[in-house]
Amino acid sequence: MCLRKTMLLFVFCLTLVGSLAEGADLVLLKDAAEKGSMCLDGSPPGYYMRPGQNGGADKWIVHMEGGGWCQTAELCAERSKTSLGSSTFWPNTSSFAGFLSGDQDTNPDFYAWNMVYAKYCDGGSFAGNVEEPVFYNETKLLFRGRMILDSILASLMEKGLDKASEVILTGCSAGGLATYLHADYVGSLLGKEVKYRAFSDAGYFLDLPTINGQRIFREGDQELLKLQNCTGGLNQKCVSSFETDEQWKCLFPPYFFQYIQTPTFVFNSLFDTAQLSGLQLDCLPPHCNAEQMKFFNNFGKEMREALGVVNGSKTSGIFADSCLQHCQTLTDNTWTEIEVEGLTAAQALADWYFEKTPDEYKHFDCDFPCNPTCPVKATDPDPSNTLF
């Protein structure tokens, strides 16, 4: 019951991220569904797309939606009756902001690119692959995440992705994890002449115990791996490096980042509020007691240390702020106003991607609560301004 309640809260936190601005049309993949590529409830998968223009017509950003995971059949059955498990809830149009914005002032380096928002409806970071349906009471469930990813990519190839000159795979939260998981696989489908990069937002999940000492994240990922048969959808170099009973580690980026061959930019708060919530910290400064503050500060230390494998990569970049945030690419203010070492996330990514400066592109913030550009400050008396 504790795991179930915690994961429900965690999923709730992971879905309260940003609003999308600017119109994009829904593309439902009904033909793919007839071949087995389906959401949890059997409805067709899909994506939102805004075509590129002018110099961005052959350049693509493919964003993978986040929204937590369902590690048990019960949670997946509940999820199948929501927009995170069924396309029947998706509107015909949506809108983009932040890194996906078509506004030149907000997104000067990428605004004209093709923008794709891959909808998330499998509950397993696009990694699951179970051929036969699974039933929970009377609810029929389909775990076809990898097929969904393949069908979306196949559809985009028909729309011009096969002729792309540049591609960035991105996502936030569970979609940020999916970016790490599938970066090399997606790259293998593109031509060698394509400039291809990965950019993960809030997907650097840590294998840590809760404030009460429980291993909820680890146990949840072990259950996810079994329930959705995710092994084939993980980084295969990581999978081959661990015995079967330890392959769950390939769902935690600190364990498998070293195997990713795609140049990757990591954007993550050192004090990721969704992870802290999932680890059962039910406060934010200044509303925490001494024990809670110790846990809070230790999490920041653990995150900084876990990013060491990224820091040691010559092809990767980092923007690690100390703001109380989760998923910062999808809103204009967090994308363009938070600064680390004098740069916003938008500027830091562009510097890395276009190699604008002779830099290693690793930007670590000072310790909380030092950053005055953070939208939520330690002195904010209203904790409702956070994701909790």
Foldseek 3Di string as FASTA:
>chain_A
DVLVVLQVLLLLLLVPDFFFADKWFKDFDPVLLVVPQAFFQSGTWTKTKDAFDDPQNQEEEAEEEDGAADLDPVSLLVLCVDQQGHVVPPDRMGHFDFCQALDCVLQVPRNRHMYMYGHHGQRQLLQFDDDDWDDDPPGTTDRRSVSSVVSHVVVVVVVNNQVHQEYEYEYFASRLLSQLFCVVVVVVVHDPNHHYAYEYFQHQADQDAALVRHRSVLVSLVSNCVVRVRQVSGLVVLCVVDDPVPSSCSSHCLSCVLVDPHAYEYEYELQEQSNNSSSVLPDAAPVDDPSSVVVRQVSSVVSVVSCVSQVPDQRYAYDYHNAHHGDQRGHSLQQAQFDFPRHHVSRLVCCSSVVVDPDSRYTHHDHPPPGPRHPDHNPPPDPVVHSD
